[in-house]
């Protein structure tokens, strides 16, 4: 009797999984994909756009006086971080054949602007450039081999790098904003909406 009970207990998770499989498959088919997320290319674009919206919102929320702020000597200022992202948005696609704006120099672009309004515009323009380049790339284009920064990858890998780079510096920019007593706009909205939800 004890032996049979042990077998039944051992088989219970398998039986449950089999029983739930049709439900899970049905839910997977019924759940619509997020807007603009069709395929890998669409998902990369979605997360680049997420970084775009949040970085631009932070850039606009930070006061002009904070743009020269740095946590310590030798570390990028607030403005330089935003310009570093803008430089990558032009520079990384250029490494896989996308033509950057006239006069763009990857090595010097980051330090080329210091005024808040100029930096915000540069950030917006750079994301528009990167997103347009990704949208224009076909699946065959994304599969093409590429090599940069000593790494062998693909054109798709360049856009994955762009995605992770944007989010890496989004995290840095959030920390910079908090250090300057600036609440990220999306967090401020959530906090303002919380009492209404109750």
N, C-alpha and C. Protein backbone atom coordinates (compact mmCIF):
# COMPACT_ATOMS: atom_id res chain seq x y z
N UNK A 1 0.84 -1.21 0.00
CA UNK A 1 0.00 0.00 0.00
C UNK A 1 0.87 1.26 0.00
N UNK A 2 1.91 1.26 0.86
CA UNK A 2 2.82 2.40 0.94
C UNK A 2 3.54 2.61 -0.39
N UNK A 3 3.90 1.48 -1.03
CA UNK A 3 4.60 1.54 -2.31
C UNK A 3 3.70 2.21 -3.37
N UNK A 4 2.42 1.83 -3.40
CA UNK A 4 1.48 2.42 -4.37
C UNK A 4 1.28 3.91 -4.12
N UNK A 5 1.20 4.28 -2.84
CA UNK A 5 1.03 5.70 -2.48
C UNK A 5 2.22 6.51 -2.98
N UNK A 6 3.42 5.97 -2.82
CA UNK A 6 4.63 6.69 -3.28
C UNK A 6 4.62 6.87 -4.79
N UNK A 7 4.19 5.82 -5.49
CA UNK A 7 4.13 5.92 -6.96
C UNK A 7 3.13 6.99 -7.38
N UNK A 8 1.93 6.97 -6.71
CA UNK A 8 0.92 7.97 -7.03
C UNK A 8 1.44 9.39 -6.79
N UNK A 9 2.13 9.58 -5.65
CA UNK A 9 2.69 10.90 -5.33
C UNK A 9 3.76 11.32 -6.34
N UNK A 10 4.55 10.37 -6.78
CA UNK A 10 5.61 10.68 -7.75
C UNK A 10 5.02 11.06 -9.10
N UNK A 11 3.90 10.40 -9.46
CA UNK A 11 3.28 10.68 -10.76
C UNK A 11 2.36 11.90 -10.76
N UNK A 12 1.99 12.39 -9.58
CA UNK A 12 1.05 13.52 -9.49
C UNK A 12 1.50 14.75 -10.26
N UNK A 13 2.78 15.21 -10.13
CA UNK A 13 3.20 16.41 -10.89
C UNK A 13 3.10 16.21 -12.40
N UNK A 14 3.39 14.97 -12.86
CA UNK A 14 3.33 14.70 -14.30
C UNK A 14 1.87 14.76 -14.76
N UNK A 15 0.99 14.16 -13.98
CA UNK A 15 -0.44 14.18 -14.33
C UNK A 15 -0.97 15.61 -14.37
N UNK A 16 -0.55 16.41 -13.40
CA UNK A 16 -0.99 17.81 -13.34
C UNK A 16 -0.50 18.57 -14.57
N UNK A 17 0.78 18.34 -14.94
CA UNK A 17 1.34 19.02 -16.11
C UNK A 17 0.59 18.65 -17.37
N UNK A 18 0.27 17.35 -17.52
CA UNK A 18 -0.47 16.89 -18.69
C UNK A 18 -1.85 17.51 -18.73
N UNK A 19 -2.50 17.57 -17.56
CA UNK A 19 -3.86 18.12 -17.48
C UNK A 19 -3.88 19.61 -17.82
N UNK A 20 -2.83 20.33 -17.42
CA UNK A 20 -2.80 21.78 -17.63
C UNK A 20 -2.30 22.19 -19.01
N UNK A 21 -1.64 21.28 -19.72
CA UNK A 21 -1.04 21.63 -21.01
C UNK A 21 -2.03 22.24 -21.99
N UNK A 22 -3.23 21.63 -22.20
CA UNK A 22 -4.18 22.25 -23.14
C UNK A 22 -4.57 23.67 -22.74
N UNK A 23 -4.71 23.91 -21.41
CA UNK A 23 -5.08 25.26 -20.94
C UNK A 23 -3.98 26.25 -21.26
N UNK A 24 -2.73 25.82 -21.00
CA UNK A 24 -1.59 26.72 -21.25
C UNK A 24 -1.45 27.04 -22.72
N UNK A 25 -1.66 25.99 -23.57
CA UNK A 25 -1.57 26.21 -25.01
C UNK A 25 -2.66 27.17 -25.46
N UNK A 26 -3.87 26.99 -24.93
CA UNK A 26 -4.99 27.87 -25.30
C UNK A 26 -4.70 29.31 -24.88
N UNK A 27 -4.17 29.48 -23.66
CA UNK A 27 -3.85 30.83 -23.19
C UNK A 27 -2.77 31.47 -24.04
N UNK A 28 -1.78 30.66 -24.43
CA UNK A 28 -0.69 31.19 -25.24
C UNK A 28 -1.21 31.71 -26.57
N UNK A 29 -2.22 31.02 -27.14
CA UNK A 29 -2.77 31.45 -28.42
C UNK A 29 -3.71 32.63 -28.26
N UNK A 30 -4.38 32.73 -27.12
CA UNK A 30 -5.35 33.80 -26.91
C UNK A 30 -4.68 35.11 -26.52
N UNK A 31 -3.50 35.04 -25.88
CA UNK A 31 -2.82 36.24 -25.39
C UNK A 31 -2.21 37.00 -26.55
N UNK A 32 -2.65 38.21 -26.85
CA UNK A 32 -2.07 38.95 -27.97
C UNK A 32 -0.66 39.43 -27.65
N UNK A 33 0.16 39.47 -28.67
CA UNK A 33 1.53 39.98 -28.49
C UNK A 33 1.47 41.47 -28.25
N UNK A 34 2.40 41.99 -27.42
CA UNK A 34 2.43 43.43 -27.21
C UNK A 34 2.60 44.17 -28.54
N UNK A 35 2.06 45.38 -28.61
CA UNK A 35 2.12 46.17 -29.82
C UNK A 35 3.56 46.36 -30.28
N UNK A 36 3.82 46.07 -31.56
CA UNK A 36 5.14 46.29 -32.13
C UNK A 36 6.16 45.23 -31.76
N UNK A 37 5.72 44.08 -31.19
CA UNK A 37 6.70 43.10 -30.73
C UNK A 37 6.71 41.83 -31.58
N UNK A 38 6.26 41.91 -32.84
CA UNK A 38 6.24 40.74 -33.69
C UNK A 38 7.67 40.31 -34.03
N UNK A 39 8.03 39.11 -33.60
CA UNK A 39 9.36 38.58 -33.90
C UNK A 39 10.46 39.24 -33.08
N UNK A 40 11.66 38.71 -33.27
CA UNK A 40 12.81 39.21 -32.52
C UNK A 40 13.08 40.68 -32.83
N UNK A 41 13.01 41.03 -34.11
CA UNK A 41 13.25 42.42 -34.51
C UNK A 41 12.28 43.37 -33.80
N UNK A 42 11.00 43.00 -33.77
CA UNK A 42 10.00 43.83 -33.10
C UNK A 42 10.25 43.96 -31.61
N UNK A 43 10.70 42.87 -30.99
CA UNK A 43 10.97 42.92 -29.55
C UNK A 43 12.19 43.78 -29.24
N UNK A 44 13.22 43.68 -30.09
CA UNK A 44 14.40 44.54 -29.91
C UNK A 44 13.97 46.00 -30.01
N UNK A 45 13.17 46.30 -31.03
CA UNK A 45 12.70 47.67 -31.24
C UNK A 45 11.88 48.15 -30.05
N UNK A 46 11.03 47.29 -29.51
CA UNK A 46 10.18 47.66 -28.37
C UNK A 46 11.03 48.09 -27.18
N UNK A 47 12.11 47.34 -26.89
CA UNK A 47 12.93 47.66 -25.72
C UNK A 47 13.86 48.84 -25.97
N UNK A 48 14.26 49.05 -27.23
CA UNK A 48 15.02 50.27 -27.55
C UNK A 48 14.11 51.48 -27.35
N UNK A 49 12.84 51.36 -27.78
CA UNK A 49 11.89 52.46 -27.59
C UNK A 49 11.61 52.72 -26.11
N UNK A 50 11.61 51.66 -25.31
CA UNK A 50 11.42 51.82 -23.87
C UNK A 50 12.57 52.65 -23.27
N UNK A 51 13.81 52.31 -23.66
CA UNK A 51 14.97 53.08 -23.19
C UNK A 51 14.88 54.52 -23.69
N UNK A 52 14.46 54.69 -24.93
CA UNK A 52 14.30 56.02 -25.53
C UNK A 52 13.36 56.88 -24.68
N UNK A 53 12.16 56.37 -24.45
CA UNK A 53 11.15 57.15 -23.72
C UNK A 53 11.63 57.55 -22.32
N UNK A 54 12.23 56.60 -21.62
CA UNK A 54 12.64 56.86 -20.24
C UNK A 54 13.87 57.76 -20.16
N UNK A 55 14.85 57.55 -21.04
CA UNK A 55 16.04 58.41 -21.02
C UNK A 55 15.68 59.85 -21.40
N UNK A 56 14.83 60.01 -22.42
CA UNK A 56 14.42 61.36 -22.81
C UNK A 56 13.63 62.02 -21.69
N UNK A 57 12.74 61.25 -21.04
CA UNK A 57 11.97 61.80 -19.91
C UNK A 57 12.90 62.26 -18.79
N UNK A 58 13.92 61.46 -18.50
CA UNK A 58 14.89 61.84 -17.45
C UNK A 58 15.69 63.07 -17.88
N UNK A 59 16.12 63.08 -19.13
CA UNK A 59 16.90 64.22 -19.64
C UNK A 59 16.10 65.51 -19.52
N UNK A 60 14.81 65.43 -19.79
CA UNK A 60 13.95 66.62 -19.70
C UNK A 60 13.67 67.00 -18.24
N UNK A 61 13.60 65.98 -17.36
CA UNK A 61 13.30 66.26 -15.95
C UNK A 61 14.49 66.82 -15.18
N UNK A 62 15.70 66.48 -15.60
CA UNK A 62 16.89 66.97 -14.89
C UNK A 62 17.07 68.47 -15.14
N UNK A 63 17.30 69.25 -14.09
CA UNK A 63 17.51 70.69 -14.30
C UNK A 63 18.84 70.95 -15.01
N UNK A 64 18.89 72.05 -15.71
CA UNK A 64 20.12 72.44 -16.42
C UNK A 64 21.33 72.44 -15.49
N UNK A 65 21.12 72.90 -14.25
CA UNK A 65 22.23 72.99 -13.28
C UNK A 65 22.82 71.63 -12.93
N UNK A 66 22.05 70.55 -13.13
CA UNK A 66 22.54 69.21 -12.79
C UNK A 66 23.31 68.56 -13.93
N UNK A 67 23.29 69.15 -15.10
CA UNK A 67 23.92 68.51 -16.26
C UNK A 67 25.45 68.39 -16.11
N UNK A 68 26.05 69.23 -15.29
CA UNK A 68 27.49 69.14 -15.06
C UNK A 68 27.83 68.30 -13.82
N UNK A 69 26.80 67.76 -13.15
CA UNK A 69 27.02 66.99 -11.92
C UNK A 69 27.64 65.63 -12.24
N UNK A 70 28.57 65.21 -11.40
CA UNK A 70 29.19 63.90 -11.51
C UNK A 70 29.35 63.33 -10.11
N UNK A 71 29.23 62.02 -9.92
CA UNK A 71 29.38 61.45 -8.58
C UNK A 71 30.80 61.58 -8.04
N UNK A 72 31.76 61.66 -8.94
CA UNK A 72 33.16 61.88 -8.53
C UNK A 72 34.01 62.24 -9.74
N UNK A 73 35.15 62.79 -9.48
CA UNK A 73 36.05 63.24 -10.55
C UNK A 73 36.42 62.06 -11.46
N UNK A 74 36.41 62.33 -12.76
CA UNK A 74 36.79 61.30 -13.72
C UNK A 74 35.64 60.42 -14.19
N UNK A 75 34.44 60.65 -13.64
CA UNK A 75 33.25 59.88 -14.03
C UNK A 75 32.35 60.79 -14.87
N UNK A 76 31.67 60.23 -15.85
CA UNK A 76 30.82 61.02 -16.73
C UNK A 76 29.81 61.85 -15.95
N UNK A 77 29.60 63.07 -16.43
CA UNK A 77 28.57 63.94 -15.87
C UNK A 77 27.20 63.48 -16.37
N UNK A 78 26.15 64.07 -15.82
CA UNK A 78 24.78 63.79 -16.28
C UNK A 78 24.69 64.00 -17.78
N UNK A 79 25.12 65.16 -18.25
CA UNK A 79 25.05 65.48 -19.67
C UNK A 79 25.88 64.53 -20.52
N UNK A 80 27.06 64.15 -20.03
CA UNK A 80 27.93 63.25 -20.79
C UNK A 80 27.33 61.86 -20.92
N UNK A 81 26.59 61.40 -19.91
CA UNK A 81 25.93 60.09 -20.01
C UNK A 81 24.90 60.11 -21.13
N UNK A 82 24.08 61.16 -21.18
CA UNK A 82 23.08 61.26 -22.24
C UNK A 82 23.76 61.34 -23.62
N UNK A 83 24.85 62.09 -23.70
CA UNK A 83 25.58 62.20 -24.97
C UNK A 83 26.29 60.89 -25.33
N UNK A 84 26.71 60.15 -24.32
CA UNK A 84 27.33 58.84 -24.55
C UNK A 84 26.31 57.89 -25.19
N UNK A 85 25.09 57.92 -24.71
CA UNK A 85 24.02 57.11 -25.30
C UNK A 85 23.75 57.56 -26.73
N UNK A 86 23.67 58.86 -26.94
CA UNK A 86 23.43 59.39 -28.29
C UNK A 86 24.56 58.97 -29.25
N UNK A 87 25.79 59.03 -28.77
CA UNK A 87 26.94 58.64 -29.60
C UNK A 87 26.83 57.17 -30.02
N UNK A 88 26.43 56.31 -29.09
CA UNK A 88 26.27 54.89 -29.40
C UNK A 88 25.12 54.65 -30.37
N UNK A 89 24.05 55.44 -30.23
CA UNK A 89 22.90 55.27 -31.13
C UNK A 89 23.25 55.58 -32.58
N UNK A 90 24.21 56.47 -32.77
CA UNK A 90 24.72 56.73 -34.12
C UNK A 90 25.88 55.80 -34.47
N UNK A 91 26.77 55.61 -33.50
CA UNK A 91 28.02 54.90 -33.77
C UNK A 91 27.88 53.41 -33.98
N UNK A 92 27.08 52.74 -33.15
CA UNK A 92 26.97 51.28 -33.28
C UNK A 92 26.34 50.89 -34.62
N UNK A 93 25.23 51.51 -35.04
CA UNK A 93 24.71 51.18 -36.38
C UNK A 93 25.71 51.49 -37.50
N UNK A 94 26.54 52.52 -37.29
CA UNK A 94 27.52 52.85 -38.33
C UNK A 94 28.54 51.73 -38.53
N UNK A 95 28.77 50.94 -37.48
CA UNK A 95 29.72 49.82 -37.57
C UNK A 95 29.18 48.66 -38.40
N UNK A 96 27.87 48.68 -38.65
CA UNK A 96 27.28 47.62 -39.49
C UNK A 96 26.68 48.22 -40.77
N UNK A 97 27.22 49.37 -41.18
CA UNK A 97 26.90 49.92 -42.49
C UNK A 97 25.83 50.99 -42.57
N UNK A 98 25.29 51.43 -41.43
CA UNK A 98 24.28 52.49 -41.44
C UNK A 98 24.99 53.84 -41.43
N UNK A 99 24.68 54.67 -42.39
CA UNK A 99 25.37 55.97 -42.49
C UNK A 99 24.93 56.90 -41.37
N UNK A 100 25.89 57.42 -40.57
CA UNK A 100 25.53 58.38 -39.51
C UNK A 100 25.32 59.77 -40.10
N UNK A 101 24.86 60.72 -39.29
CA UNK A 101 24.69 62.09 -39.80
C UNK A 101 26.03 62.67 -40.28
N UNK A 102 25.94 63.59 -41.19
CA UNK A 102 27.13 64.26 -41.73
C UNK A 102 27.94 64.89 -40.60
N UNK A 103 29.24 64.63 -40.58
CA UNK A 103 30.13 65.23 -39.59
C UNK A 103 30.23 64.47 -38.28
N UNK A 104 29.44 63.38 -38.12
CA UNK A 104 29.49 62.61 -36.87
C UNK A 104 30.82 61.91 -36.71
N UNK A 105 31.42 62.07 -35.52
CA UNK A 105 32.66 61.37 -35.20
C UNK A 105 32.44 60.64 -33.88
N UNK A 106 32.48 59.32 -33.94
CA UNK A 106 32.18 58.46 -32.80
C UNK A 106 33.03 58.84 -31.58
N UNK A 107 34.32 59.08 -31.79
CA UNK A 107 35.25 59.31 -30.69
C UNK A 107 35.03 60.64 -29.97
N UNK A 108 34.52 61.64 -30.67
CA UNK A 108 34.42 62.99 -30.08
C UNK A 108 33.00 63.47 -29.84
N UNK A 109 32.01 62.74 -30.33
CA UNK A 109 30.63 63.22 -30.26
C UNK A 109 30.16 63.42 -28.82
N UNK A 110 30.55 62.53 -27.95
CA UNK A 110 30.08 62.57 -26.55
C UNK A 110 30.35 63.91 -25.87
N UNK A 111 31.48 64.53 -26.21
CA UNK A 111 31.86 65.80 -25.56
C UNK A 111 31.50 67.02 -26.40
N UNK A 112 30.73 66.81 -27.47
CA UNK A 112 30.50 67.92 -28.40
C UNK A 112 29.40 68.89 -27.97
N UNK A 113 28.53 68.51 -27.03
CA UNK A 113 27.45 69.39 -26.57
C UNK A 113 27.40 69.40 -25.05
N UNK A 114 27.05 70.55 -24.49
CA UNK A 114 26.95 70.66 -23.02
C UNK A 114 25.65 71.29 -22.55
N UNK A 115 24.95 72.00 -23.42
CA UNK A 115 23.71 72.68 -23.05
C UNK A 115 22.55 71.69 -23.02
N UNK A 116 21.70 71.77 -21.99
CA UNK A 116 20.60 70.83 -21.83
C UNK A 116 19.74 70.70 -23.07
N UNK A 117 19.25 71.80 -23.62
CA UNK A 117 18.34 71.73 -24.77
C UNK A 117 18.99 71.04 -25.96
N UNK A 118 20.29 71.29 -26.17
CA UNK A 118 21.02 70.66 -27.28
C UNK A 118 21.16 69.15 -27.04
N UNK A 119 21.43 68.77 -25.79
CA UNK A 119 21.62 67.36 -25.45
C UNK A 119 20.31 66.60 -25.57
N UNK A 120 19.21 67.18 -25.10
CA UNK A 120 17.90 66.52 -25.20
C UNK A 120 17.56 66.29 -26.68
N UNK A 121 17.79 67.30 -27.51
CA UNK A 121 17.52 67.16 -28.95
C UNK A 121 18.41 66.08 -29.56
N UNK A 122 19.68 66.08 -29.19
CA UNK A 122 20.62 65.07 -29.72
C UNK A 122 20.19 63.67 -29.34
N UNK A 123 19.75 63.51 -28.10
CA UNK A 123 19.30 62.20 -27.62
C UNK A 123 18.07 61.74 -28.41
N UNK A 124 17.09 62.63 -28.57
CA UNK A 124 15.88 62.29 -29.35
C UNK A 124 16.23 61.93 -30.79
N UNK A 125 17.06 62.76 -31.42
CA UNK A 125 17.44 62.53 -32.82
C UNK A 125 18.19 61.21 -32.98
N UNK A 126 19.05 60.90 -32.01
CA UNK A 126 19.86 59.67 -32.11
C UNK A 126 18.99 58.43 -32.00
N UNK A 127 17.99 58.47 -31.12
CA UNK A 127 17.09 57.32 -31.01
C UNK A 127 16.25 57.18 -32.27
N UNK A 128 15.80 58.30 -32.83
CA UNK A 128 15.02 58.25 -34.07
C UNK A 128 15.86 57.61 -35.18
N UNK A 129 17.14 57.95 -35.23
CA UNK A 129 18.07 57.40 -36.22
C UNK A 129 18.22 55.89 -36.04
N UNK A 130 18.49 55.45 -34.80
CA UNK A 130 18.70 54.03 -34.53
C UNK A 130 17.45 53.21 -34.81
N UNK A 131 16.29 53.74 -34.41
CA UNK A 131 15.04 53.01 -34.61
C UNK A 131 14.70 52.91 -36.09
N UNK A 132 14.94 53.97 -36.84
CA UNK A 132 14.68 53.94 -38.29
C UNK A 132 15.60 52.93 -38.97
N UNK A 133 16.84 52.87 -38.54
CA UNK A 133 17.80 51.93 -39.12
C UNK A 133 17.37 50.49 -38.86
N UNK A 134 16.92 50.22 -37.64
CA UNK A 134 16.47 48.86 -37.31
C UNK A 134 15.21 48.50 -38.10
N UNK A 135 14.27 49.43 -38.20
CA UNK A 135 13.03 49.16 -38.95
C UNK A 135 13.33 48.86 -40.42
N UNK A 136 14.35 49.53 -40.97
CA UNK A 136 14.69 49.37 -42.38
C UNK A 136 15.43 48.07 -42.66
N UNK A 137 15.99 47.45 -41.62
CA UNK A 137 16.77 46.22 -41.81
C UNK A 137 15.84 45.02 -42.01
N UNK A 138 16.11 44.23 -43.03
CA UNK A 138 15.34 43.01 -43.27
C UNK A 138 15.88 41.90 -42.37
N UNK A 139 15.14 40.79 -42.29
CA UNK A 139 15.62 39.65 -41.51
C UNK A 139 16.95 39.15 -42.06
N UNK A 140 17.09 39.17 -43.40
CA UNK A 140 18.35 38.75 -44.03
C UNK A 140 19.49 39.69 -43.64
N UNK A 141 19.19 40.98 -43.57
CA UNK A 141 20.21 41.96 -43.14
C UNK A 141 20.67 41.65 -41.72
N UNK A 142 19.70 41.36 -40.84
CA UNK A 142 20.02 41.12 -39.43
C UNK A 142 20.87 39.88 -39.24
N UNK A 143 20.75 38.93 -40.17
CA UNK A 143 21.53 37.68 -40.08
C UNK A 143 22.97 37.84 -40.57
N UNK A 144 23.28 38.96 -41.23
CA UNK A 144 24.63 39.14 -41.79
C UNK A 144 25.68 39.19 -40.69
N UNK A 145 26.85 38.56 -40.93
CA UNK A 145 27.91 38.60 -39.91
C UNK A 145 28.48 39.99 -39.76
N UNK A 146 28.95 40.29 -38.57
CA UNK A 146 29.57 41.59 -38.27
C UNK A 146 30.64 41.38 -37.23
N UNK A 147 31.58 42.29 -37.20
CA UNK A 147 32.65 42.22 -36.20
C UNK A 147 32.99 43.64 -35.75
N UNK A 148 32.92 43.88 -34.46
CA UNK A 148 33.33 45.17 -33.90
C UNK A 148 33.65 45.00 -32.43
N UNK A 149 34.48 45.92 -31.92
CA UNK A 149 34.96 45.86 -30.54
C UNK A 149 35.60 44.51 -30.24
N UNK A 150 36.22 43.89 -31.29
CA UNK A 150 36.90 42.62 -31.12
C UNK A 150 35.99 41.42 -30.99
N UNK A 151 34.70 41.61 -31.29
CA UNK A 151 33.73 40.51 -31.14
C UNK A 151 33.13 40.15 -32.50
N UNK A 152 32.98 38.85 -32.75
CA UNK A 152 32.28 38.39 -33.95
C UNK A 152 30.82 38.21 -33.59
N UNK A 153 29.95 38.84 -34.37
CA UNK A 153 28.52 38.79 -34.07
C UNK A 153 27.75 38.90 -35.38
N UNK A 154 26.57 39.46 -35.33
CA UNK A 154 25.74 39.71 -36.52
C UNK A 154 25.23 41.14 -36.44
N UNK A 155 24.56 41.58 -37.50
CA UNK A 155 23.93 42.89 -37.47
C UNK A 155 22.89 42.91 -36.35
N UNK A 156 22.17 41.81 -36.16
CA UNK A 156 21.21 41.71 -35.05
C UNK A 156 21.92 41.93 -33.71
N UNK A 157 23.12 41.37 -33.59
CA UNK A 157 23.90 41.54 -32.36
C UNK A 157 24.21 43.00 -32.08
N UNK A 158 24.40 43.79 -33.15
CA UNK A 158 24.66 45.22 -32.97
C UNK A 158 23.46 45.90 -32.32
N UNK A 159 22.26 45.53 -32.76
CA UNK A 159 21.05 46.15 -32.20
C UNK A 159 20.74 45.62 -30.80
N UNK A 160 21.12 44.38 -30.53
CA UNK A 160 20.99 43.86 -29.16
C UNK A 160 21.94 44.62 -28.23
N UNK A 161 23.14 44.92 -28.74
CA UNK A 161 24.08 45.71 -27.95
C UNK A 161 23.51 47.11 -27.70
N UNK A 162 22.91 47.69 -28.72
CA UNK A 162 22.31 49.01 -28.59
C UNK A 162 21.21 49.01 -27.53
N UNK A 163 20.40 47.96 -27.54
CA UNK A 163 19.33 47.80 -26.57
C UNK A 163 19.90 47.73 -25.14
N UNK A 164 20.88 46.83 -24.94
CA UNK A 164 21.43 46.66 -23.58
C UNK A 164 22.20 47.91 -23.14
N UNK A 165 22.86 48.57 -24.08
CA UNK A 165 23.60 49.79 -23.77
C UNK A 165 22.66 50.89 -23.28
N UNK A 166 21.54 51.05 -23.98
CA UNK A 166 20.56 52.06 -23.57
C UNK A 166 20.03 51.81 -22.16
N UNK A 167 19.74 50.55 -21.86
CA UNK A 167 19.20 50.22 -20.54
C UNK A 167 20.27 50.28 -19.46
N UNK A 168 21.50 49.96 -19.81
CA UNK A 168 22.60 50.10 -18.84
C UNK A 168 22.71 51.54 -18.37
N UNK A 169 22.68 52.46 -19.33
CA UNK A 169 22.84 53.88 -18.97
C UNK A 169 21.53 54.51 -18.49
N UNK A 170 20.41 53.85 -18.75
CA UNK A 170 19.16 54.27 -18.12
C UNK A 170 19.28 54.05 -16.62
N UNK A 171 19.78 52.88 -16.22
CA UNK A 171 19.98 52.61 -14.79
C UNK A 171 20.92 53.62 -14.15
N UNK A 172 22.01 53.93 -14.85
CA UNK A 172 22.96 54.94 -14.34
C UNK A 172 22.28 56.30 -14.21
N UNK A 173 21.48 56.66 -15.21
CA UNK A 173 20.81 57.96 -15.20
C UNK A 173 19.75 58.06 -14.10
N UNK A 174 19.10 56.95 -13.79
CA UNK A 174 18.14 56.94 -12.68
C UNK A 174 18.88 57.21 -11.37
N UNK A 175 20.04 56.56 -11.19
CA UNK A 175 20.84 56.78 -9.98
C UNK A 175 21.30 58.24 -9.90
N UNK A 176 21.72 58.80 -11.04
CA UNK A 176 22.13 60.20 -11.08
C UNK A 176 20.96 61.11 -10.72
N UNK A 177 19.79 60.82 -11.27
CA UNK A 177 18.60 61.64 -10.99
C UNK A 177 18.26 61.60 -9.51
N UNK A 178 18.22 60.40 -8.93
CA UNK A 178 17.90 60.26 -7.50
C UNK A 178 18.92 61.00 -6.64
N UNK A 179 20.19 60.97 -7.04
CA UNK A 179 21.23 61.68 -6.29
C UNK A 179 21.03 63.18 -6.33
N UNK A 180 20.32 63.65 -7.36
CA UNK A 180 20.02 65.08 -7.50
C UNK A 180 18.58 65.41 -7.10
N UNK A 181 17.97 64.50 -6.33
CA UNK A 181 16.61 64.69 -5.81
C UNK A 181 15.56 64.83 -6.92
N UNK A 182 15.80 64.15 -8.03
CA UNK A 182 14.85 64.14 -9.13
C UNK A 182 14.23 62.75 -9.21
N UNK A 183 12.92 62.66 -9.07
CA UNK A 183 12.21 61.39 -9.19
C UNK A 183 11.96 61.11 -10.67
N UNK A 184 12.30 59.92 -11.16
CA UNK A 184 12.00 59.61 -12.56
C UNK A 184 10.52 59.86 -12.85
N UNK A 185 10.19 60.52 -13.95
CA UNK A 185 8.80 60.91 -14.24
C UNK A 185 7.79 59.76 -14.18
N UNK A 186 8.18 58.56 -14.66
CA UNK A 186 7.23 57.44 -14.63
C UNK A 186 6.98 56.97 -13.20
N UNK A 187 8.00 57.06 -12.33
CA UNK A 187 7.82 56.72 -10.91
C UNK A 187 6.94 57.76 -10.22
N UNK A 188 7.16 59.02 -10.56
CA UNK A 188 6.35 60.11 -9.98
C UNK A 188 4.89 59.93 -10.36
N UNK A 189 4.64 59.51 -11.61
CA UNK A 189 3.26 59.29 -12.06
C UNK A 189 2.62 58.13 -11.30
N UNK A 190 3.38 57.04 -11.13
CA UNK A 190 2.87 55.88 -10.38
C UNK A 190 2.51 56.27 -8.95
N UNK A 191 3.38 57.08 -8.33
CA UNK A 191 3.14 57.52 -6.95
C UNK A 191 1.91 58.42 -6.87
N UNK A 192 1.74 59.27 -7.88
CA UNK A 192 0.58 60.16 -7.89
C UNK A 192 -0.71 59.40 -8.14
N UNK A 193 -0.63 58.32 -8.94
CA UNK A 193 -1.82 57.54 -9.28
C UNK A 193 -2.21 56.54 -8.20
N UNK A 194 -1.26 56.20 -7.30
CA UNK A 194 -1.51 55.18 -6.27
C UNK A 194 -2.71 55.49 -5.38
N UNK A 195 -2.84 56.74 -4.84
CA UNK A 195 -4.00 57.01 -3.99
C UNK A 195 -5.33 56.89 -4.74
N UNK A 196 -5.34 57.24 -6.03
CA UNK A 196 -6.55 57.15 -6.84
C UNK A 196 -7.00 55.70 -7.00
N UNK A 197 -6.00 54.79 -7.12
CA UNK A 197 -6.31 53.37 -7.30
C UNK A 197 -7.00 52.78 -6.07
N UNK A 198 -6.67 53.32 -4.88
CA UNK A 198 -7.28 52.85 -3.63
C UNK A 198 -8.72 53.33 -3.54
